[in-house]
């Protein structure tokens, strides 16, 4: 059984992101905070649907991701392509733009 509790809040994000994902989704990811890790804030992101990025169809892979990015706090994202954008890279935000 997957670990649960306040140190594993990141486990909630993939399911929550599935609720907001749309068909033309470009990318997904999450950033988690864990004071017990050497790197306090760590990010997992990739191009693809929530199911693909978090490997939800592959229980072992998904479990490894959830262990690696476990933490007390996390934030997730599901990105849609901008109009006329054809790159397959993760969307980025330049300072000063909205």
Foldseek 3Di string as FASTA:
>chain_A
DADDDLQQPVVVPLVVQVVVADVQWFKKKKWAAAPPDPPRIDIQMATDGSCVSCVVVDVVSNSVVSVVRGGNDMDMDIHHDDPPDDDSDDDDDDPPDD
